[in-house]
Amino acid sequence: MTTLLIIVHVIICIVLILAVLLQSGKAADLAGAFGGGGSQTAFGPRSSQTILSKITTVCAVLFMLTSIGLWILSGKTTSVAKDIPVQPAATETQKKAEEKAPAGQTAPAETNKPAAETEPAKTDQTPAEQTKN
């Protein structure tokens, strides 16, 4: 859906650029620059719309709508980077142990956990009885 909207958006952009560049300016002569031209309006005399001005208006509206659509769709996409698991960096003790190990063998990773955390406590109580205490 997003790809289709991007293609339509680019086509509208190209048509809009061409329509604007092909139009002639209103009151482009020297008298029009100083407010002449027989009109009391600020932007020159109002004339009937040409086909290029109608194309410009339609393309401008479509450009705004596709821009808003792309903005809405951009919030719904997920990033690929979120799906890639991150591996933790090796600690310096692991790096030193790997350097000391013979070639082709890896040294076991050293842990900084106390002995109580690495081995479960051996008791005669069941887990339910342990939580009560």
C-alpha atoms as a PDB file:
ATOM      1  CA  MET A   1       0.000   0.000   0.000  1.00  0.00           C
ATOM      2  CA  THR A   2       2.773   2.404   0.907  1.00  0.00           C
ATOM      3  CA  THR A   3       4.684   1.652  -2.299  1.00  0.00           C
ATOM      4  CA  LEU A   4       1.625   2.363  -4.437  1.00  0.00           C
ATOM      5  CA  LEU A   5       1.025   5.639  -2.620  1.00  0.00           C
ATOM      6  CA  ILE A   6       4.664   6.678  -3.088  1.00  0.00           C
ATOM      7  CA  ILE A   7       4.452   5.973  -6.841  1.00  0.00           C
ATOM      8  CA  VAL A   8       1.253   8.029  -7.158  1.00  0.00           C
ATOM      9  CA  HIS A   9       2.839  10.807  -5.078  1.00  0.00           C
ATOM     10  CA  VAL A  10       5.918  11.003  -7.327  1.00  0.00           C
ATOM     11  CA  ILE A  11       3.779  11.093 -10.487  1.00  0.00           C
ATOM     12  CA  ILE A  12       1.663  13.898  -9.027  1.00  0.00           C
ATOM     13  CA  CYS A  13       4.842  15.801  -8.107  1.00  0.00           C
ATOM     14  CA  ILE A  14       6.167  15.587 -11.661  1.00  0.00           C
ATOM     15  CA  VAL A  15       2.846  16.699 -13.200  1.00  0.00           C
ATOM     16  CA  LEU A  16       2.586  19.562 -10.701  1.00  0.00           C
ATOM     17  CA  ILE A  17       6.101  20.786 -11.479  1.00  0.00           C
ATOM     18  CA  LEU A  18       5.448  20.684 -15.221  1.00  0.00           C
ATOM     19  CA  ALA A  19       2.073  22.454 -14.891  1.00  0.00           C
ATOM     20  CA  VAL A  20       3.570  25.273 -12.822  1.00  0.00           C
ATOM     21  CA  LEU A  21       6.561  25.755 -15.107  1.00  0.00           C
ATOM     22  CA  LEU A  22       4.462  25.816 -18.297  1.00  0.00           C
ATOM     23  CA  GLN A  23       2.172  28.601 -17.084  1.00  0.00           C
ATOM     24  CA  SER A  24       2.849  32.179 -18.005  1.00  0.00           C
ATOM     25  CA  GLY A  25       2.894  34.762 -15.272  1.00  0.00           C
ATOM     26  CA  LYS A  26      -0.021  37.141 -14.844  1.00  0.00           C
ATOM     27  CA  ALA A  27       0.728  40.703 -15.913  1.00  0.00           C
ATOM     28  CA  ALA A  28       4.302  39.819 -16.692  1.00  0.00           C
ATOM     29  CA  ASP A  29       4.986  43.066 -18.555  1.00  0.00           C
ATOM     30  CA  LEU A  30       6.535  46.164 -16.974  1.00  0.00           C
ATOM     31  CA  ALA A  31       3.207  47.905 -16.388  1.00  0.00           C
ATOM     32  CA  GLY A  32       1.931  44.920 -14.409  1.00  0.00           C
ATOM     33  CA  ALA A  33       4.925  45.102 -12.073  1.00  0.00           C
ATOM     34  CA  PHE A  34       3.939  48.595 -10.923  1.00  0.00           C
ATOM     35  CA  GLY A  35       0.214  47.979 -10.564  1.00  0.00           C
ATOM     36  CA  GLY A  36      -0.750  49.022 -14.096  1.00  0.00           C
ATOM     37  CA  GLY A  37      -2.688  47.008 -16.573  1.00  0.00           C
ATOM     38  CA  GLY A  38      -6.039  48.725 -16.093  1.00  0.00           C
ATOM     39  CA  SER A  39      -7.034  47.012 -12.882  1.00  0.00           C
ATOM     40  CA  GLN A  40      -7.439  48.120  -9.314  1.00  0.00           C
ATOM     41  CA  THR A  41      -6.889  44.659  -7.829  1.00  0.00           C
ATOM     42  CA  ALA A  42      -3.714  43.776  -5.969  1.00  0.00           C
ATOM     43  CA  PHE A  43      -2.832  40.735  -8.047  1.00  0.00           C
ATOM     44  CA  GLY A  44      -3.843  41.938 -11.500  1.00  0.00           C
ATOM     45  CA  PRO A  45      -6.995  41.403 -13.493  1.00  0.00           C
ATOM     46  CA  ARG A  46      -8.869  38.195 -12.910  1.00  0.00           C
ATOM     47  CA  SER A  47      -9.170  36.069 -16.006  1.00  0.00           C
ATOM     48  CA  SER A  48     -10.850  32.761 -16.729  1.00  0.00           C
ATOM     49  CA  GLN A  49      -8.993  29.665 -15.592  1.00  0.00           C
ATOM     50  CA  THR A  50      -6.935  27.910 -18.200  1.00  0.00           C
ATOM     51  CA  ILE A  51      -6.474  24.167 -18.382  1.00  0.00           C
ATOM     52  CA  LEU A  52      -2.990  24.497 -16.847  1.00  0.00           C
ATOM     53  CA  SER A  53      -4.309  26.387 -13.828  1.00  0.00           C
ATOM     54  CA  LYS A  54      -7.002  23.731 -13.299  1.00  0.00           C
ATOM     55  CA  ILE A  55      -4.369  20.975 -13.526  1.00  0.00           C
ATOM     56  CA  THR A  56      -2.220  22.875 -11.023  1.00  0.00           C
ATOM     57  CA  THR A  57      -5.105  23.162  -8.557  1.00  0.00           C
ATOM     58  CA  VAL A  58      -6.053  19.496  -8.820  1.00  0.00           C
ATOM     59  CA  CYS A  59      -2.432  18.339  -8.529  1.00  0.00           C
ATOM     60  CA  ALA A  60      -1.844  20.592  -5.512  1.00  0.00           C
ATOM     61  CA  VAL A  61      -4.834  19.095  -3.690  1.00  0.00           C
ATOM     62  CA  LEU A  62      -3.787  15.538  -4.601  1.00  0.00           C
ATOM     63  CA  PHE A  63      -0.214  16.295  -3.508  1.00  0.00           C
ATOM     64  CA  MET A  64      -1.436  17.394  -0.082  1.00  0.00           C
ATOM     65  CA  LEU A  65      -3.688  14.341   0.295  1.00  0.00           C
ATOM     66  CA  THR A  66      -0.955  11.870  -0.669  1.00  0.00           C
ATOM     67  CA  SER A  67       1.474  13.649   1.668  1.00  0.00           C
ATOM     68  CA  ILE A  68      -0.952  13.252   4.564  1.00  0.00           C
ATOM     69  CA  GLY A  69      -1.558   9.618   3.590  1.00  0.00           C
ATOM     70  CA  LEU A  70       2.171   8.883   3.572  1.00  0.00           C
ATOM     71  CA  TRP A  71       2.535  10.573   6.937  1.00  0.00           C
ATOM     72  CA  ILE A  72      -0.235   8.421   8.418  1.00  0.00           C
ATOM     73  CA  LEU A  73       1.174   5.220   6.930  1.00  0.00           C
ATOM     74  CA  SER A  74       4.690   6.023   8.147  1.00  0.00           C
ATOM     75  CA  GLY A  75       3.551   5.649  11.758  1.00  0.00           C
ATOM     76  CA  LYS A  76       2.145   2.156  11.155  1.00  0.00           C
ATOM     77  CA  THR A  77       5.267   0.538   9.706  1.00  0.00           C
ATOM     78  CA  THR A  78       7.681  -1.376  11.883  1.00  0.00           C
ATOM     79  CA  SER A  79      11.394  -1.045  11.657  1.00  0.00           C
ATOM     80  CA  VAL A  80      13.520  -4.012  10.707  1.00  0.00           C
ATOM     81  CA  ALA A  81      16.087  -2.971  13.295  1.00  0.00           C
ATOM     82  CA  LYS A  82      13.642  -3.774  16.107  1.00  0.00           C
ATOM     83  CA  ASP A  83      13.514  -7.433  15.071  1.00  0.00           C
ATOM     84  CA  ILE A  84      17.284  -7.985  15.127  1.00  0.00           C
ATOM     85  CA  PRO A  85      18.472  -9.353  18.468  1.00  0.00           C
ATOM     86  CA  VAL A  86      21.373  -7.509  20.016  1.00  0.00           C
ATOM     87  CA  GLN A  87      24.241  -9.634  21.293  1.00  0.00           C
ATOM     88  CA  PRO A  88      25.896  -8.320  24.445  1.00  0.00           C
ATOM     89  CA  ALA A  89      29.492  -7.236  24.090  1.00  0.00           C
ATOM     90  CA  ALA A  90      32.090  -9.533  25.597  1.00  0.00           C
ATOM     91  CA  THR A  91      33.445  -8.362  28.916  1.00  0.00           C
ATOM     92  CA  GLU A  92      37.136  -7.814  29.451  1.00  0.00           C
ATOM     93  CA  THR A  93      37.413 -10.934  31.626  1.00  0.00           C
ATOM     94  CA  GLN A  94      35.931 -13.011  28.816  1.00  0.00           C
ATOM     95  CA  LYS A  95      38.351 -11.456  26.311  1.00  0.00           C
ATOM     96  CA  LYS A  96      41.332 -12.225  28.563  1.00  0.00           C
ATOM     97  CA  ALA A  97      40.136 -15.797  29.080  1.00  0.00           C
ATOM     98  CA  GLU A  98      39.790 -16.283  25.323  1.00  0.00           C
ATOM     99  CA  GLU A  99      43.307 -14.945  24.757  1.00  0.00           C
ATOM    100  CA  LYS A 100      44.767 -17.376  27.319  1.00  0.00           C
ATOM    101  CA  ALA A 101      42.873 -20.390  25.918  1.00  0.00           C
ATOM    102  CA  PRO A 102      44.671 -22.593  23.382  1.00  0.00           C
ATOM    103  CA  ALA A 103      43.821 -22.114  19.694  1.00  0.00           C
ATOM    104  CA  GLY A 104      40.536 -23.705  18.664  1.00  0.00           C
ATOM    105  CA  GLN A 105      39.160 -23.805  22.216  1.00  0.00           C
ATOM    106  CA  THR A 106      37.170 -21.225  24.003  1.00  0.00           C
ATOM    107  CA  ALA A 107      37.500 -20.654  27.690  1.00  0.00           C
ATOM    108  CA  PRO A 108      34.404 -20.961  29.858  1.00  0.00           C
ATOM    109  CA  ALA A 109      32.840 -17.638  30.666  1.00  0.00           C
ATOM    110  CA  GLU A 110      33.571 -16.396  34.155  1.00  0.00           C
ATOM    111  CA  THR A 111      30.620 -15.271  36.156  1.00  0.00           C
ATOM    112  CA  ASN A 112      30.543 -12.737  38.908  1.00  0.00           C
ATOM    113  CA  LYS A 113      27.582 -14.383  40.643  1.00  0.00           C
ATOM    114  CA  PRO A 114      27.943 -15.642  44.183  1.00  0.00           C
ATOM    115  CA  ALA A 115      27.783 -19.380  44.775  1.00  0.00           C
ATOM    116  CA  ALA A 116      24.290 -19.065  46.253  1.00  0.00           C
ATOM    117  CA  GLU A 117      22.912 -17.825  42.950  1.00  0.00           C
ATOM    118  CA  THR A 118      24.666 -20.362  40.750  1.00  0.00           C
ATOM    119  CA  GLU A 119      23.564 -23.482  42.679  1.00  0.00           C
ATOM    120  CA  PRO A 120      20.084 -23.954  44.058  1.00  0.00           C
ATOM    121  CA  ALA A 121      19.824 -24.253  47.812  1.00  0.00           C
ATOM    122  CA  LYS A 122      19.458 -27.854  48.962  1.00  0.00           C
ATOM    123  CA  THR A 123      16.764 -28.149  51.590  1.00  0.00           C
ATOM    124  CA  ASP A 124      14.319 -30.793  52.701  1.00  0.00           C
ATOM    125  CA  GLN A 125      11.399 -28.391  52.306  1.00  0.00           C
ATOM    126  CA  THR A 126       9.137 -28.202  49.287  1.00  0.00           C
ATOM    127  CA  PRO A 127       8.953 -24.956  47.325  1.00  0.00           C
ATOM    128  CA  ALA A 128       5.582 -24.127  48.873  1.00  0.00           C
ATOM    129  CA  GLU A 129       7.043 -24.494  52.377  1.00  0.00           C
ATOM    130  CA  GLN A 130      10.032 -22.339  51.436  1.00  0.00           C
ATOM    131  CA  THR A 131       7.817 -19.425  50.388  1.00  0.00           C
ATOM    132  CA  LYS A 132       5.944 -19.563  53.698  1.00  0.00           C
ATOM    133  CA  ASN A 133       9.150 -19.046  55.670  1.00  0.00           C
END
